[in-house]
Amino acid sequence: MSATIRTTTPEDDPALSALWQRCFSATHLARLHALDPRRHRHTFVARDGAREGIDAVVVYVPRLIRDAEGTPRRVGGIGSVATRPEARGQGLVRRLLAAAERTMRDEGCAWSLLFTGTPGVYRSSGWEEFGSTYTEGTLVPSPPRPGTFPVRAATPADAVEVAALHHAYNADRPLSSLRAPEDWAVRVPAWYRPAGRSLVAQDPASGALVGWLAAGHEGDCLEVREFAGAAGCLGSLFAAAGSRGRAAGLTRARVRLPAGPDVRAALPALLTDARQITEHVGMARPLHATPESVRATVTAPGAVHWYGDCF
């Protein structure tokens, strides 16, 4: 029997959660899905009436993302894509992407964005890869001299100041998202938990927050995922993150920050042999925007889509 393509209803939520649990190790997809009050209109599933449950799912998440000039545009993020093993190879994701594309166009999305390690199905549906770089190397073997800025673990009480730092730091940054309060309440903690992996730097005189760094463990590697704040405190945050990594037995680090002069100047506080690596996990598809404008956004200097804004 041919699978039916449709949007979901609240009654589908248990089956969706079961599919994600079966296909992914991540446990927070259902919580992120619940952020969108129009999620059922934006969730596309394939279902074969001969089987129980859902065969495949594609979720479209509307986000405001800054373009090459820093202007926020409505963008359709594609994520939480899953197919049960026994239903693979039937072209279900391709059909679901076509349904999501129609809705994104109807809702005025300028373009669509996704991240994947398996680009084939998306490429054949009109999404094109773009490159991004990160810096990788060996952790400095011993703690550098204490930084100028006191550093401590972030707490929930820091949320308002951290959000303000993030907004100011990314005010004109291409490919960055405008985070809403619910993003800070659910999306960011889901990607960056436990909360203690986020660090804040304080002004030594006033105690005010001047920087925030999100870092986590990826296997045997410390992964620095995000920074916001004054460039001068980045070395202190790097040093503190490196100390935590060494204490956990890690020997290497990966820094997913735009490789500008401020980041390069601070790297010696974290790495001994920093080198840049290019990857192609981002994919974009023009909808109402021109291909040229989308390409200008994803390739702009300093463009980055932060880990905590993933779909």
Protein backbone atom coordinates (compact mmCIF):
# COMPACT_ATOMS: atom_id res chain seq x y z
CA MET A 1 0.00 0.00 0.00
CA SER A 2 1.31 3.48 -0.88
CA ALA A 3 2.05 5.72 2.10
CA THR A 4 -0.15 8.75 2.72
CA ILE A 5 1.55 12.13 3.15
CA ARG A 6 -0.17 14.49 5.58
CA THR A 7 0.38 16.91 8.43
CA THR A 8 0.00 15.72 11.99
CA THR A 9 -2.61 16.12 14.72
CA PRO A 10 -2.10 16.06 18.51
CA GLU A 11 -3.02 12.38 18.45
CA ASP A 12 0.18 11.70 16.49
CA ASP A 13 2.49 13.03 19.20
CA PRO A 14 3.14 9.66 20.93
CA ALA A 15 3.94 7.98 17.59
CA LEU A 16 6.29 10.84 16.64
CA SER A 17 8.10 10.60 19.95
CA ALA A 18 8.45 6.83 19.52
CA LEU A 19 9.92 7.25 16.01
CA TRP A 20 12.47 9.82 17.16
CA GLN A 21 13.47 7.67 20.12
CA ARG A 22 13.99 4.74 17.76
CA CYS A 23 16.07 6.69 15.22
CA PHE A 24 18.09 9.09 17.39
CA SER A 25 20.04 9.05 20.61
CA ALA A 26 18.89 12.63 21.33
CA THR A 27 16.12 12.74 23.91
CA HIS A 28 15.02 16.36 23.53
CA LEU A 29 13.44 16.39 20.06
CA ALA A 30 9.89 16.17 21.37
CA ARG A 31 10.51 19.14 23.71
CA LEU A 32 11.91 21.22 20.87
CA HIS A 33 9.02 20.21 18.67
CA ALA A 34 6.59 21.49 21.29
CA LEU A 35 8.07 25.02 21.04
CA ASP A 36 6.13 25.79 17.85
CA PRO A 37 2.45 26.49 18.55
CA ARG A 38 1.75 25.65 14.88
CA ARG A 39 3.86 22.51 14.97
CA HIS A 40 1.16 20.21 13.64
CA ARG A 41 0.78 22.33 10.52
CA HIS A 42 4.57 22.24 10.16
CA THR A 43 5.09 18.51 10.74
CA PHE A 44 4.78 16.23 7.73
CA VAL A 45 4.50 12.48 8.06
CA ALA A 46 4.20 9.45 5.84
CA ARG A 47 2.01 6.65 7.07
CA ASP A 48 1.19 3.29 5.55
CA GLY A 49 -2.24 2.13 6.66
CA ALA A 50 -1.02 -1.46 6.73
CA ARG A 51 1.39 -0.69 9.60
CA GLU A 52 1.05 0.83 13.03
CA GLY A 53 2.87 4.05 13.76
CA ILE A 54 4.51 6.63 11.50
CA ASP A 55 6.90 5.63 8.72
CA ALA A 56 8.73 8.95 8.20
CA VAL A 57 8.68 12.55 9.41
CA VAL A 58 10.03 15.94 8.30
CA VAL A 59 9.59 19.03 10.49
CA TYR A 60 9.68 22.61 9.24
CA VAL A 61 10.63 25.13 11.94
CA PRO A 62 10.10 28.82 11.07
CA ARG A 63 12.98 30.99 12.30
CA LEU A 64 14.08 34.60 11.91
CA ILE A 65 17.63 34.50 10.54
CA ARG A 66 19.77 37.47 9.56
CA ASP A 67 20.78 37.78 5.91
CA ALA A 68 24.10 39.01 4.49
CA GLU A 69 23.20 42.59 5.50
CA GLY A 70 22.07 41.57 8.99
CA THR A 71 18.35 41.94 8.19
CA PRO A 72 16.11 39.28 9.77
CA ARG A 73 14.31 37.08 7.21
CA ARG A 74 11.81 34.30 7.74
CA VAL A 75 13.62 31.03 7.04
CA GLY A 76 12.28 27.50 7.02
CA GLY A 77 14.52 25.23 9.05
CA ILE A 78 14.25 21.54 8.22
CA GLY A 79 15.01 19.09 11.00
CA SER A 80 14.00 16.05 13.06
CA VAL A 81 13.96 14.01 9.82
CA ALA A 82 13.52 10.29 10.50
CA THR A 83 12.40 7.15 8.71
CA ARG A 84 11.76 3.82 10.37
CA PRO A 85 14.26 1.25 9.03
CA GLU A 86 11.70 -0.99 7.35
CA ALA A 87 10.29 1.98 5.37
CA ARG A 88 13.58 3.28 3.98
CA GLY A 89 14.38 3.36 0.28
CA GLN A 90 10.83 4.29 -0.76
CA GLY A 91 11.36 8.01 -1.42
CA LEU A 92 9.27 9.05 1.58
CA VAL A 93 11.58 11.85 2.75
CA ARG A 94 11.65 13.31 -0.75
CA ARG A 95 7.84 13.45 -0.81
CA LEU A 96 7.76 14.98 2.67
CA LEU A 97 10.29 17.65 1.67
CA ALA A 98 8.09 18.61 -1.29
CA ALA A 99 5.11 19.03 1.06
CA ALA A 100 7.19 21.11 3.49
CA GLU A 101 8.45 23.29 0.64
CA ARG A 102 4.90 24.16 -0.42
CA THR A 103 4.00 25.25 3.11
CA MET A 104 7.21 27.25 3.55
CA ARG A 105 6.47 29.13 0.32
CA ASP A 106 2.86 29.74 1.38
CA GLU A 107 4.09 31.15 4.70
CA GLY A 108 6.56 33.54 3.07
CA CYS A 109 9.88 31.89 3.84
CA ALA A 110 12.71 33.52 1.92
CA TRP A 111 14.75 30.32 1.90
CA SER A 112 15.27 27.03 3.74
CA LEU A 113 18.16 25.81 5.88
CA LEU A 114 19.21 22.42 7.20
CA PHE A 115 22.26 20.59 8.53
CA THR A 116 23.06 16.98 7.71
CA GLY A 117 25.80 14.44 7.28
CA THR A 118 23.81 12.67 4.53
CA PRO A 119 23.16 15.31 1.85
CA GLY A 120 22.03 13.04 -0.99
CA VAL A 121 18.27 13.09 -0.52
CA TYR A 122 18.29 16.85 0.14
CA ARG A 123 20.51 17.64 -2.81
CA SER A 124 18.13 15.85 -5.15
CA SER A 125 15.27 17.90 -3.67
CA GLY A 126 16.88 21.27 -4.40
CA TRP A 127 19.04 22.01 -1.35
CA GLU A 128 22.69 22.92 -2.00
CA GLU A 129 25.64 22.44 0.33
CA PHE A 130 27.77 25.27 1.66
CA GLY A 131 31.03 25.15 3.54
CA SER A 132 31.86 26.23 7.07
CA THR A 133 35.07 26.07 9.06
CA TYR A 134 36.04 25.18 12.59
CA THR A 135 39.37 25.17 14.42
CA GLU A 136 40.81 22.03 15.97
CA GLY A 137 43.93 21.20 17.92
CA THR A 138 45.54 19.88 21.10
CA LEU A 139 44.61 21.35 24.45
CA VAL A 140 47.41 23.31 26.05
CA PRO A 141 49.09 20.82 28.41
CA SER A 142 48.93 22.96 31.54
CA PRO A 143 46.76 25.86 32.70
CA PRO A 144 47.93 29.19 31.29
CA ARG A 145 48.27 32.16 33.59
CA PRO A 146 44.92 33.20 35.11
CA GLY A 147 42.99 35.51 32.85
CA THR A 148 42.06 39.08 33.63
CA PHE A 149 38.37 38.24 33.85
CA PRO A 150 36.93 35.99 36.60
CA VAL A 151 35.12 33.00 35.07
CA ARG A 152 32.47 30.79 36.64
CA ALA A 153 29.75 28.36 35.60
CA ALA A 154 26.61 29.99 34.25
CA THR A 155 23.44 29.70 36.34
CA PRO A 156 19.76 30.17 35.50
CA ALA A 157 19.95 33.59 37.18
CA ASP A 158 22.30 34.73 34.38
CA ALA A 159 19.76 34.08 31.61
CA VAL A 160 18.67 37.68 31.03
CA GLU A 161 22.23 39.03 30.88
CA VAL A 162 23.38 36.17 28.64
CA ALA A 163 20.49 36.75 26.23
CA ALA A 164 21.40 40.45 26.06
CA LEU A 165 25.06 39.59 25.34
CA HIS A 166 23.97 37.20 22.60
CA HIS A 167 21.66 39.73 20.97
CA ALA A 168 24.30 42.46 20.95
CA TYR A 169 27.10 40.19 19.73
CA ASN A 170 25.03 38.94 16.80
CA ALA A 171 23.16 42.14 15.94
CA ASP A 172 24.53 42.19 12.38
CA ARG A 173 25.92 38.66 12.01
CA PRO A 174 24.79 36.83 8.86
CA LEU A 175 23.14 33.44 9.40
CA SER A 176 22.51 34.04 13.12
CA SER A 177 19.03 33.60 14.61
CA LEU A 178 16.98 36.04 16.63
CA ARG A 179 16.31 34.03 19.77
CA ALA A 180 12.99 34.44 21.52
CA PRO A 181 12.47 33.93 25.30
CA GLU A 182 11.18 30.41 24.67
CA ASP A 183 14.41 29.59 22.85
CA TRP A 184 16.42 30.48 25.94
CA ALA A 185 13.97 28.55 28.12
CA VAL A 186 13.90 25.31 26.11
CA ARG A 187 15.97 25.18 22.92
CA VAL A 188 19.31 26.43 24.25
CA PRO A 189 19.26 24.31 27.44
CA ALA A 190 18.29 21.26 25.38
CA TRP A 191 21.34 21.60 23.13
CA TYR A 192 23.77 22.81 25.81
CA ARG A 193 22.86 20.76 28.86
CA PRO A 194 24.02 20.32 31.51
CA ALA A 195 23.88 24.00 32.34
CA GLY A 196 27.30 23.88 34.03
CA ARG A 197 28.96 23.49 30.64
CA SER A 198 28.21 27.14 29.92
CA LEU A 199 30.67 29.60 31.40
CA VAL A 200 30.39 33.33 32.03
CA ALA A 201 33.12 35.94 32.43
CA GLN A 202 32.63 38.89 34.75
CA ASP A 203 34.00 42.39 34.77
CA PRO A 204 36.63 42.37 37.56
CA ALA A 205 35.47 45.74 38.88
CA SER A 206 31.68 45.67 38.65
CA GLY A 207 30.94 41.93 38.48
CA ALA A 208 28.71 42.45 35.45
CA LEU A 209 28.70 39.69 32.84
CA VAL A 210 30.87 40.51 29.85
CA GLY A 211 31.09 37.14 28.12
CA TRP A 212 29.42 33.74 27.73
CA LEU A 213 30.87 30.51 26.34
CA ALA A 214 29.02 27.26 25.64
CA ALA A 215 31.20 24.14 25.52
CA GLY A 216 30.56 20.41 25.73
CA HIS A 217 32.22 17.04 25.35
CA GLU A 218 32.14 15.23 22.02
CA GLY A 219 33.82 11.88 22.62
CA ASP A 220 37.38 12.67 23.71
CA CYS A 221 37.19 16.23 22.39
CA LEU A 222 36.15 19.47 24.05
CA GLU A 223 33.80 21.29 21.66
CA VAL A 224 33.43 25.05 22.03
CA ARG A 225 30.09 25.74 20.43
CA GLU A 226 29.27 29.37 21.01
CA PHE A 227 30.53 32.68 22.35
CA ALA A 228 28.96 36.07 22.94
CA GLY A 229 30.37 39.16 24.59
CA ALA A 230 33.45 41.37 24.69
CA ALA A 231 36.42 40.01 22.74
CA GLY A 232 38.83 40.77 25.58
CA CYS A 233 37.36 38.11 27.86
CA LEU A 234 37.54 35.26 25.34
CA GLY A 235 41.04 34.18 26.41
CA SER A 236 39.88 33.86 30.02
CA LEU A 237 36.89 31.78 28.94
CA PHE A 238 39.06 29.58 26.71
CA ALA A 239 41.48 28.99 29.58
CA ALA A 240 38.67 28.00 31.94
CA ALA A 241 37.07 25.70 29.37
CA GLY A 242 40.45 24.06 28.70
CA SER A 243 41.02 23.46 32.42
CA ARG A 244 37.66 21.71 32.65
CA GLY A 245 38.45 19.65 29.60
CA ARG A 246 41.80 18.51 30.99
CA ALA A 247 40.16 17.64 34.32
CA ALA A 248 37.74 15.41 32.40
CA GLY A 249 40.63 13.63 30.69
CA LEU A 250 40.25 15.34 27.30
CA THR A 251 43.28 16.13 25.17
CA ARG A 252 41.83 17.87 22.12
CA ALA A 253 39.41 20.70 21.41
CA ARG A 254 37.28 21.88 18.52
CA VAL A 255 36.23 25.54 18.31
CA ARG A 256 33.12 26.34 16.26
CA LEU A 257 33.45 30.12 16.34
CA PRO A 258 34.00 32.49 13.40
CA ALA A 259 37.75 32.55 12.84
CA GLY A 260 38.15 36.32 13.10
CA PRO A 261 41.16 38.14 14.57
CA ASP A 262 39.73 38.20 18.12
CA VAL A 263 39.22 34.43 18.15
CA ARG A 264 42.65 33.77 16.64
CA ALA A 265 44.28 36.01 19.25
CA ALA A 266 42.63 34.08 22.10
CA LEU A 267 43.27 30.55 20.77
CA PRO A 268 46.71 30.11 22.45
CA ALA A 269 44.87 30.03 25.79
CA LEU A 270 43.19 26.82 24.62
CA LEU A 271 45.15 25.12 21.80
CA THR A 272 48.79 24.45 20.99
CA ASP A 273 48.50 23.52 17.31
CA ALA A 274 45.34 25.15 15.99
CA ARG A 275 44.36 24.39 12.42
CA GLN A 276 41.25 25.17 10.40
CA ILE A 277 39.07 22.43 8.96
CA THR A 278 36.31 22.92 6.39
CA GLU A 279 33.15 20.84 6.44
CA HIS A 280 30.03 20.81 4.26
CA VAL A 281 27.12 19.95 6.52
CA GLY A 282 24.96 23.04 5.91
CA MET A 283 22.48 23.08 3.03
CA ALA A 284 20.27 25.90 1.74
CA ARG A 285 17.41 26.15 -0.74
CA PRO A 286 16.07 29.46 -2.13
CA LEU A 287 12.31 29.89 -1.92
CA HIS A 288 11.21 33.52 -2.38
CA ALA A 289 14.79 34.85 -2.16
CA THR A 290 17.16 34.75 -5.09
CA PRO A 291 19.88 32.07 -5.17
CA GLU A 292 22.47 34.86 -5.19
CA SER A 293 21.18 36.43 -1.97
CA VAL A 294 21.06 33.07 -0.18
CA ARG A 295 24.59 32.22 -1.28
CA ALA A 296 25.76 35.65 -0.11
CA THR A 297 24.30 34.97 3.34
CA VAL A 298 25.74 31.50 3.91
CA THR A 299 29.19 32.49 2.62
CA ALA A 300 29.44 35.95 4.23
CA PRO A 301 32.51 36.63 6.41
CA GLY A 302 31.70 35.75 10.02
CA ALA A 303 28.48 33.94 9.07
CA VAL A 304 27.57 31.23 11.56
CA HIS A 305 24.44 29.40 12.62
CA TRP A 306 24.93 28.62 16.27
CA TYR A 307 24.54 25.07 17.54
CA GLY A 308 21.80 26.16 19.96
CA ASP A 309 19.61 27.30 17.06
CA CYS A 310 19.66 23.92 15.28
CA PHE A 311 16.30 22.62 14.30
